[in-house]
Amino acid sequence: MAFRVFLSSSLDPTEAALAWRLQTLAAAHGIKMYVPQNGTVVAPPGTVGVQKAIDRSDCVLAIITTAASPTVQQELRYALERKKLVIPIVRTDSADNPLLAQFPRIFTFSPWDNPGAVETQIVEFFKEQQMTKEKQQAIGALAALGLGLIVLFSLNKE
């Protein structure tokens, strides 16, 4: 059975392709990643399609580089209600959203900081969650890939 991840992302419109690249990389490593298309998976936001995708997921990877849209906020609230493991990776200048305070751990990054430090924090967090080693490695690799793509893209824009 494949490890399943729901990607909730609040990306700058110029970064939107990163979500699809991340999905492709995840698939290459045997990870099933649900990436909402324009805020939906199959049905409009808040309906059964998005909720089912979150319910079926082993965890939710939240990548936030801009202000979290209402759709992203709704996805994250639903994941919290369902007690899903949520890994919020948030650009430092977007970390002031009150919704983020509800998560046990937020991983902040800046394109100018060492991404390895955030990756190490994420790996340590997974160990605390008592996940199997395979799940730790899968989601750790996925989080590192996502963070790496965002940092590279951010540096390229500068």
N, C-alpha and C. Protein backbone atom coordinates (compact mmCIF):
# COMPACT_ATOMS: atom_id res chain seq x y z
N MET A 1 0.84 -1.18 0.00
CA MET A 1 0.00 0.00 0.00
C MET A 1 0.89 1.25 0.00
N ALA A 2 0.63 2.14 -0.89
CA ALA A 2 1.44 3.36 -1.03
C ALA A 2 1.19 4.31 0.13
N PHE A 3 2.23 5.03 0.48
CA PHE A 3 2.12 6.10 1.46
C PHE A 3 1.39 7.24 0.78
N ARG A 4 0.37 7.82 1.43
CA ARG A 4 -0.46 8.85 0.81
C ARG A 4 -0.32 10.18 1.53
N VAL A 5 -0.12 11.23 0.73
CA VAL A 5 0.08 12.57 1.26
C VAL A 5 -0.87 13.52 0.54
N PHE A 6 -1.52 14.37 1.31
CA PHE A 6 -2.34 15.44 0.74
C PHE A 6 -1.50 16.71 0.78
N LEU A 7 -1.35 17.38 -0.35
CA LEU A 7 -0.58 18.63 -0.40
C LEU A 7 -1.55 19.81 -0.33
N SER A 8 -1.42 20.57 0.73
CA SER A 8 -2.16 21.82 0.86
C SER A 8 -1.13 22.92 0.70
N SER A 9 -1.29 23.72 -0.34
CA SER A 9 -0.24 24.70 -0.59
C SER A 9 -0.80 26.08 -0.88
N SER A 10 -0.09 27.04 -0.34
CA SER A 10 -0.38 28.44 -0.60
C SER A 10 0.89 28.99 -1.22
N LEU A 11 0.95 28.88 -2.53
CA LEU A 11 2.14 29.28 -3.27
C LEU A 11 1.86 30.53 -4.08
N ASP A 12 2.90 31.29 -4.28
CA ASP A 12 2.83 32.41 -5.20
C ASP A 12 2.41 31.84 -6.56
N PRO A 13 1.56 32.51 -7.34
CA PRO A 13 1.13 31.96 -8.63
C PRO A 13 2.29 31.54 -9.54
N THR A 14 3.41 32.22 -9.44
CA THR A 14 4.55 31.83 -10.27
C THR A 14 5.21 30.54 -9.77
N GLU A 15 4.86 30.10 -8.54
CA GLU A 15 5.42 28.87 -7.97
C GLU A 15 4.49 27.67 -8.11
N ALA A 16 3.31 27.86 -8.67
CA ALA A 16 2.30 26.81 -8.69
C ALA A 16 2.79 25.51 -9.33
N ALA A 17 3.64 25.61 -10.33
CA ALA A 17 4.15 24.40 -10.99
C ALA A 17 4.98 23.55 -10.04
N LEU A 18 5.47 24.13 -8.96
CA LEU A 18 6.26 23.37 -8.00
C LEU A 18 5.45 22.23 -7.39
N ALA A 19 4.17 22.46 -7.16
CA ALA A 19 3.32 21.42 -6.59
C ALA A 19 3.27 20.20 -7.51
N TRP A 20 3.16 20.43 -8.79
CA TRP A 20 3.09 19.33 -9.75
C TRP A 20 4.44 18.63 -9.87
N ARG A 21 5.52 19.39 -9.80
CA ARG A 21 6.85 18.77 -9.82
C ARG A 21 7.04 17.89 -8.60
N LEU A 22 6.59 18.38 -7.47
CA LEU A 22 6.70 17.61 -6.23
C LEU A 22 5.88 16.33 -6.32
N GLN A 23 4.69 16.41 -6.91
CA GLN A 23 3.85 15.22 -7.09
C GLN A 23 4.56 14.19 -7.97
N THR A 24 5.19 14.65 -9.03
CA THR A 24 5.91 13.75 -9.93
C THR A 24 7.07 13.08 -9.21
N LEU A 25 7.83 13.86 -8.43
CA LEU A 25 8.94 13.29 -7.67
C LEU A 25 8.43 12.30 -6.62
N ALA A 26 7.32 12.61 -5.99
CA ALA A 26 6.74 11.70 -5.00
C ALA A 26 6.35 10.38 -5.65
N ALA A 27 5.70 10.45 -6.80
CA ALA A 27 5.28 9.23 -7.50
C ALA A 27 6.48 8.37 -7.87
N ALA A 28 7.58 9.01 -8.23
CA ALA A 28 8.80 8.27 -8.58
C ALA A 28 9.36 7.50 -7.38
N HIS A 29 8.98 7.93 -6.17
CA HIS A 29 9.43 7.26 -4.95
C HIS A 29 8.32 6.44 -4.30
N GLY A 30 7.26 6.16 -5.04
CA GLY A 30 6.19 5.31 -4.53
C GLY A 30 5.23 5.98 -3.58
N ILE A 31 5.20 7.30 -3.58
CA ILE A 31 4.30 8.04 -2.69
C ILE A 31 3.14 8.58 -3.51
N LYS A 32 1.93 8.32 -3.07
CA LYS A 32 0.73 8.84 -3.72
C LYS A 32 0.44 10.21 -3.13
N MET A 33 0.53 11.24 -3.96
CA MET A 33 0.30 12.61 -3.48
C MET A 33 -0.94 13.20 -4.14
N TYR A 34 -1.86 13.66 -3.31
CA TYR A 34 -3.05 14.36 -3.80
C TYR A 34 -2.71 15.84 -3.88
N VAL A 35 -2.81 16.40 -5.07
CA VAL A 35 -2.56 17.83 -5.26
C VAL A 35 -3.84 18.46 -5.77
N PRO A 36 -4.50 19.29 -4.96
CA PRO A 36 -5.72 19.93 -5.42
C PRO A 36 -5.45 20.81 -6.64
N GLN A 37 -6.35 20.76 -7.58
CA GLN A 37 -6.25 21.58 -8.79
C GLN A 37 -7.11 22.81 -8.60
N ASN A 38 -6.50 23.97 -8.57
CA ASN A 38 -7.24 25.22 -8.36
C ASN A 38 -8.13 25.14 -7.13
N GLY A 39 -7.58 24.56 -6.07
CA GLY A 39 -8.33 24.47 -4.82
C GLY A 39 -9.25 23.27 -4.72
N THR A 40 -9.22 22.36 -5.69
CA THR A 40 -10.08 21.19 -5.61
C THR A 40 -9.30 19.92 -5.96
N VAL A 41 -9.80 18.80 -5.52
CA VAL A 41 -9.27 17.51 -5.94
C VAL A 41 -10.22 16.94 -6.98
N VAL A 42 -11.48 16.85 -6.64
CA VAL A 42 -12.49 16.35 -7.58
C VAL A 42 -13.70 17.27 -7.55
N ALA A 43 -13.98 17.84 -6.42
CA ALA A 43 -15.18 18.64 -6.22
C ALA A 43 -14.78 19.99 -5.64
N PRO A 44 -15.72 20.94 -5.55
CA PRO A 44 -15.41 22.26 -5.00
C PRO A 44 -14.85 22.18 -3.58
N PRO A 45 -14.08 23.20 -3.15
CA PRO A 45 -13.48 23.21 -1.81
C PRO A 45 -14.53 22.97 -0.73
N GLY A 46 -14.16 22.19 0.26
CA GLY A 46 -15.05 21.93 1.37
C GLY A 46 -16.05 20.83 1.11
N THR A 47 -16.07 20.28 -0.09
CA THR A 47 -17.00 19.21 -0.37
C THR A 47 -16.30 17.87 -0.21
N VAL A 48 -17.02 16.83 -0.50
CA VAL A 48 -16.56 15.48 -0.23
C VAL A 48 -15.24 15.14 -0.93
N GLY A 49 -14.97 15.66 -2.11
CA GLY A 49 -13.75 15.30 -2.83
C GLY A 49 -12.49 15.65 -2.06
N VAL A 50 -12.39 16.86 -1.58
CA VAL A 50 -11.22 17.29 -0.82
C VAL A 50 -11.19 16.55 0.52
N GLN A 51 -12.33 16.45 1.17
CA GLN A 51 -12.38 15.79 2.47
C GLN A 51 -11.98 14.32 2.35
N LYS A 52 -12.45 13.64 1.33
CA LYS A 52 -12.08 12.23 1.14
C LYS A 52 -10.59 12.08 0.88
N ALA A 53 -10.04 13.00 0.11
CA ALA A 53 -8.60 12.93 -0.17
C ALA A 53 -7.80 13.11 1.13
N ILE A 54 -8.23 14.03 1.98
CA ILE A 54 -7.55 14.23 3.26
C ILE A 54 -7.75 13.00 4.15
N ASP A 55 -8.97 12.48 4.19
CA ASP A 55 -9.25 11.30 5.01
C ASP A 55 -8.39 10.10 4.60
N ARG A 56 -8.16 9.94 3.32
CA ARG A 56 -7.39 8.80 2.81
C ARG A 56 -5.89 8.97 2.99
N SER A 57 -5.46 10.19 3.27
CA SER A 57 -4.03 10.49 3.37
C SER A 57 -3.46 10.05 4.71
N ASP A 58 -2.19 9.65 4.66
CA ASP A 58 -1.47 9.34 5.89
C ASP A 58 -1.05 10.61 6.60
N CYS A 59 -0.82 11.67 5.84
CA CYS A 59 -0.47 12.97 6.44
C CYS A 59 -0.77 14.08 5.44
N VAL A 60 -0.71 15.30 5.94
CA VAL A 60 -0.93 16.49 5.11
C VAL A 60 0.36 17.30 5.13
N LEU A 61 0.87 17.57 3.96
CA LEU A 61 2.04 18.43 3.82
C LEU A 61 1.52 19.81 3.41
N ALA A 62 1.74 20.80 4.28
CA ALA A 62 1.28 22.16 4.00
C ALA A 62 2.49 23.02 3.67
N ILE A 63 2.56 23.49 2.44
CA ILE A 63 3.65 24.37 2.03
C ILE A 63 3.06 25.75 1.80
N ILE A 64 3.51 26.69 2.62
CA ILE A 64 2.92 28.03 2.61
C ILE A 64 4.02 29.06 2.39
N THR A 65 3.96 29.71 1.22
CA THR A 65 4.95 30.74 0.91
C THR A 65 4.31 32.12 0.78
N THR A 66 2.98 32.16 0.76
CA THR A 66 2.23 33.42 0.72
C THR A 66 1.10 33.31 1.74
N ALA A 67 0.30 34.35 1.88
CA ALA A 67 -0.82 34.29 2.81
C ALA A 67 -1.70 33.09 2.46
N ALA A 68 -2.08 32.33 3.48
CA ALA A 68 -2.91 31.14 3.27
C ALA A 68 -4.29 31.54 2.77
N SER A 69 -4.67 31.02 1.63
CA SER A 69 -5.98 31.31 1.05
C SER A 69 -7.08 30.69 1.92
N PRO A 70 -8.32 31.12 1.74
CA PRO A 70 -9.43 30.50 2.47
C PRO A 70 -9.52 28.99 2.21
N THR A 71 -9.21 28.56 0.98
CA THR A 71 -9.25 27.14 0.66
C THR A 71 -8.20 26.38 1.47
N VAL A 72 -6.99 26.89 1.53
CA VAL A 72 -5.92 26.25 2.30
C VAL A 72 -6.30 26.22 3.78
N GLN A 73 -6.82 27.32 4.28
CA GLN A 73 -7.24 27.36 5.68
C GLN A 73 -8.31 26.31 5.96
N GLN A 74 -9.24 26.15 5.03
CA GLN A 74 -10.31 25.17 5.19
C GLN A 74 -9.74 23.74 5.18
N GLU A 75 -8.80 23.48 4.28
CA GLU A 75 -8.16 22.16 4.22
C GLU A 75 -7.44 21.84 5.53
N LEU A 76 -6.70 22.82 6.05
CA LEU A 76 -5.93 22.60 7.27
C LEU A 76 -6.83 22.45 8.49
N ARG A 77 -7.91 23.22 8.55
CA ARG A 77 -8.87 23.05 9.66
C ARG A 77 -9.48 21.65 9.64
N TYR A 78 -9.84 21.19 8.45
CA TYR A 78 -10.42 19.86 8.32
C TYR A 78 -9.40 18.80 8.76
N ALA A 79 -8.15 18.94 8.34
CA ALA A 79 -7.11 17.99 8.73
C ALA A 79 -6.92 17.98 10.25
N LEU A 80 -6.97 19.18 10.87
CA LEU A 80 -6.88 19.26 12.33
C LEU A 80 -8.05 18.54 13.00
N GLU A 81 -9.26 18.76 12.49
CA GLU A 81 -10.46 18.11 13.04
C GLU A 81 -10.33 16.60 12.97
N ARG A 82 -9.73 16.11 11.91
CA ARG A 82 -9.56 14.66 11.70
C ARG A 82 -8.31 14.11 12.39
N LYS A 83 -7.60 14.99 13.09
CA LYS A 83 -6.39 14.61 13.81
C LYS A 83 -5.34 13.98 12.90
N LYS A 84 -5.24 14.54 11.70
CA LYS A 84 -4.22 14.11 10.75
C LYS A 84 -2.88 14.72 11.14
N LEU A 85 -1.82 14.00 10.84
CA LEU A 85 -0.50 14.56 11.01
C LEU A 85 -0.30 15.61 9.93
N VAL A 86 -0.05 16.85 10.34
CA VAL A 86 0.15 17.95 9.40
C VAL A 86 1.56 18.47 9.58
N ILE A 87 2.28 18.57 8.46
CA ILE A 87 3.63 19.11 8.46
C ILE A 87 3.58 20.46 7.77
N PRO A 88 3.48 21.56 8.54
CA PRO A 88 3.43 22.89 7.93
C PRO A 88 4.85 23.43 7.70
N ILE A 89 5.19 23.63 6.44
CA ILE A 89 6.47 24.24 6.06
C ILE A 89 6.12 25.63 5.55
N VAL A 90 6.54 26.64 6.31
CA VAL A 90 6.05 27.99 6.09
C VAL A 90 7.22 28.96 5.90
N ARG A 91 7.11 29.75 4.85
CA ARG A 91 8.12 30.80 4.64
C ARG A 91 8.02 31.79 5.81
N THR A 92 9.13 32.20 6.34
CA THR A 92 9.19 33.03 7.54
C THR A 92 8.26 34.23 7.49
N ASP A 93 8.19 34.90 6.36
CA ASP A 93 7.36 36.10 6.27
C ASP A 93 5.87 35.79 6.11
N SER A 94 5.48 34.51 6.12
CA SER A 94 4.07 34.11 6.05
C SER A 94 3.62 33.37 7.31
N ALA A 95 4.44 33.39 8.34
CA ALA A 95 4.19 32.57 9.53
C ALA A 95 3.28 33.22 10.57
N ASP A 96 2.67 34.36 10.25
CA ASP A 96 1.86 35.06 11.25
C ASP A 96 0.37 34.70 11.22
N ASN A 97 -0.03 33.72 10.45
CA ASN A 97 -1.43 33.32 10.36
C ASN A 97 -1.86 32.65 11.67
N PRO A 98 -2.94 33.11 12.31
CA PRO A 98 -3.40 32.52 13.57
C PRO A 98 -3.72 31.02 13.46
N LEU A 99 -4.12 30.56 12.29
CA LEU A 99 -4.41 29.15 12.11
C LEU A 99 -3.18 28.30 12.40
N LEU A 100 -2.01 28.80 12.04
CA LEU A 100 -0.77 28.04 12.22
C LEU A 100 -0.46 27.79 13.69
N ALA A 101 -0.96 28.65 14.57
CA ALA A 101 -0.71 28.49 16.01
C ALA A 101 -1.37 27.22 16.55
N GLN A 102 -2.30 26.63 15.82
CA GLN A 102 -3.00 25.43 16.27
C GLN A 102 -2.19 24.15 16.06
N PHE A 103 -1.12 24.24 15.30
CA PHE A 103 -0.32 23.06 15.01
C PHE A 103 0.76 22.87 16.07
N PRO A 104 1.05 21.61 16.41
CA PRO A 104 2.06 21.38 17.44
C PRO A 104 3.45 21.86 17.03
N ARG A 105 3.71 21.89 15.73
CA ARG A 105 5.03 22.30 15.26
C ARG A 105 4.90 22.96 13.89
N ILE A 106 5.58 24.07 13.71
CA ILE A 106 5.65 24.79 12.44
C ILE A 106 7.13 24.80 12.04
N PHE A 107 7.38 24.53 10.79
CA PHE A 107 8.75 24.56 10.28
C PHE A 107 8.88 25.76 9.35
N THR A 108 9.62 26.75 9.81
CA THR A 108 9.76 27.97 9.01
C THR A 108 11.09 27.96 8.26
N PHE A 109 11.06 28.60 7.12
CA PHE A 109 12.27 28.67 6.30
C PHE A 109 12.37 30.03 5.63
N SER A 110 13.56 30.36 5.26
CA SER A 110 13.83 31.52 4.44
C SER A 110 14.72 31.03 3.31
N PRO A 111 14.52 31.55 2.11
CA PRO A 111 15.36 31.12 0.99
C PRO A 111 16.85 31.38 1.23
N TRP A 112 17.16 32.23 2.19
CA TRP A 112 18.55 32.59 2.44
C TRP A 112 19.17 31.79 3.58
N ASP A 113 18.38 30.95 4.25
CA ASP A 113 18.89 30.12 5.33
C ASP A 113 19.28 28.75 4.79
N ASN A 114 19.96 27.99 5.60
CA ASN A 114 20.36 26.64 5.24
C ASN A 114 19.14 25.71 5.29
N PRO A 115 18.68 25.17 4.14
CA PRO A 115 17.51 24.29 4.16
C PRO A 115 17.76 23.00 4.92
N GLY A 116 19.02 22.62 5.08
CA GLY A 116 19.35 21.41 5.83
C GLY A 116 18.92 21.49 7.28
N ALA A 117 18.94 22.69 7.86
CA ALA A 117 18.52 22.86 9.25
C ALA A 117 17.03 22.54 9.41
N VAL A 118 16.21 23.00 8.48
CA VAL A 118 14.78 22.72 8.54
C VAL A 118 14.53 21.23 8.32
N GLU A 119 15.24 20.65 7.39
CA GLU A 119 15.10 19.21 7.13
C GLU A 119 15.42 18.41 8.40
N THR A 120 16.46 18.78 9.11
CA THR A 120 16.83 18.10 10.35
C THR A 120 15.72 18.23 11.39
N GLN A 121 15.13 19.42 11.49
CA GLN A 121 14.02 19.63 12.44
C GLN A 121 12.83 18.73 12.09
N ILE A 122 12.54 18.61 10.81
CA ILE A 122 11.42 17.78 10.36
C ILE A 122 11.68 16.31 10.70
N VAL A 123 12.88 15.84 10.43
CA VAL A 123 13.23 14.44 10.73
C VAL A 123 13.10 14.17 12.22
N GLU A 124 13.57 15.10 13.05
CA GLU A 124 13.44 14.94 14.51
C GLU A 124 11.97 14.90 14.93
N PHE A 125 11.15 15.74 14.31
CA PHE A 125 9.72 15.75 14.60
C PHE A 125 9.09 14.40 14.29
N PHE A 126 9.48 13.79 13.17
CA PHE A 126 8.94 12.49 12.80
C PHE A 126 9.33 11.42 13.81
N LYS A 127 10.53 11.50 14.30
CA LYS A 127 10.96 10.53 15.31
C LYS A 127 10.09 10.64 16.56
N GLU A 128 9.75 11.87 16.94
CA GLU A 128 8.88 12.10 18.10
C GLU A 128 7.48 11.53 17.88
N GLN A 129 7.04 11.48 16.62
CA GLN A 129 5.70 11.00 16.30
C GLN A 129 5.60 9.48 16.31
N GLN A 130 6.71 8.80 16.53
CA GLN A 130 6.78 7.35 16.58
C GLN A 130 6.23 6.71 15.31
N MET A 131 6.58 7.29 14.18
CA MET A 131 6.21 6.73 12.89
C MET A 131 7.18 5.61 12.56
N THR A 132 6.77 4.73 11.68
CA THR A 132 7.69 3.69 11.23
C THR A 132 8.84 4.35 10.48
N LYS A 133 9.95 3.68 10.44
CA LYS A 133 11.13 4.23 9.78
C LYS A 133 10.85 4.49 8.30
N GLU A 134 10.07 3.62 7.67
CA GLU A 134 9.74 3.80 6.25
C GLU A 134 8.93 5.06 6.03
N LYS A 135 7.95 5.30 6.91
CA LYS A 135 7.14 6.52 6.79
C LYS A 135 7.97 7.76 7.08
N GLN A 136 8.85 7.67 8.08
CA GLN A 136 9.73 8.79 8.39
C GLN A 136 10.58 9.15 7.17
N GLN A 137 11.14 8.13 6.53
CA GLN A 137 11.99 8.37 5.38
C GLN A 137 11.19 8.92 4.20
N ALA A 138 9.99 8.39 3.98
CA ALA A 138 9.17 8.83 2.85
C ALA A 138 8.76 10.29 2.99
N ILE A 139 8.19 10.64 4.12
CA ILE A 139 7.72 12.02 4.28
C ILE A 139 8.89 12.97 4.48
N GLY A 140 9.96 12.51 5.10
CA GLY A 140 11.16 13.34 5.25
C GLY A 140 11.75 13.69 3.90
N ALA A 141 11.84 12.70 3.01
CA ALA A 141 12.37 12.95 1.67
C ALA A 141 11.46 13.89 0.90
N LEU A 142 10.16 13.69 1.03
CA LEU A 142 9.20 14.54 0.33
C LEU A 142 9.26 15.98 0.83
N ALA A 143 9.34 16.16 2.14
CA ALA A 143 9.44 17.50 2.71
C ALA A 143 10.74 18.17 2.26
N ALA A 144 11.83 17.41 2.26
CA ALA A 144 13.12 17.97 1.82
C ALA A 144 13.07 18.36 0.35
N LEU A 145 12.45 17.52 -0.48
CA LEU A 145 12.31 17.85 -1.90
C LEU A 145 11.49 19.12 -2.09
N GLY A 146 10.36 19.20 -1.40
CA GLY A 146 9.51 20.38 -1.51
C GLY A 146 10.23 21.64 -1.08
N LEU A 147 10.90 21.56 0.05
CA LEU A 147 11.65 22.71 0.55
C LEU A 147 12.76 23.10 -0.42
N GLY A 148 13.47 22.11 -0.93
CA GLY A 148 14.54 22.38 -1.89
C GLY A 148 14.04 23.05 -3.15
N LEU A 149 12.92 22.56 -3.68
CA LEU A 149 12.34 23.18 -4.88
C LEU A 149 11.95 24.63 -4.63
N ILE A 150 11.33 24.88 -3.49
CA ILE A 150 10.90 26.25 -3.17
C ILE A 150 12.10 27.17 -3.01
N VAL A 151 13.12 26.71 -2.29
CA VAL A 151 14.31 27.55 -2.08
C VAL A 151 14.99 27.83 -3.41
N LEU A 152 15.15 26.81 -4.24
CA LEU A 152 15.78 27.03 -5.56
C LEU A 152 14.97 28.01 -6.40
N PHE A 153 13.67 27.85 -6.40
CA PHE A 153 12.82 28.73 -7.18
C PHE A 153 12.90 30.17 -6.64
N SER A 154 12.88 30.30 -5.31
CA SER A 154 12.96 31.63 -4.70
C SER A 154 14.27 32.32 -5.04
N LEU A 155 15.35 31.58 -4.98
CA LEU A 155 16.65 32.16 -5.30
C LEU A 155 16.75 32.54 -6.76
N ASN A 156 16.11 31.74 -7.60
CA ASN A 156 16.11 32.02 -9.04
C ASN A 156 15.36 33.31 -9.36
N LYS A 157 14.30 33.59 -8.57
CA LYS A 157 13.51 34.81 -8.80
C LYS A 157 14.25 36.05 -8.35
N GLU A 158 15.12 35.90 -7.36
CA GLU A 158 15.82 37.07 -6.79
C GLU A 158 16.84 37.63 -7.73
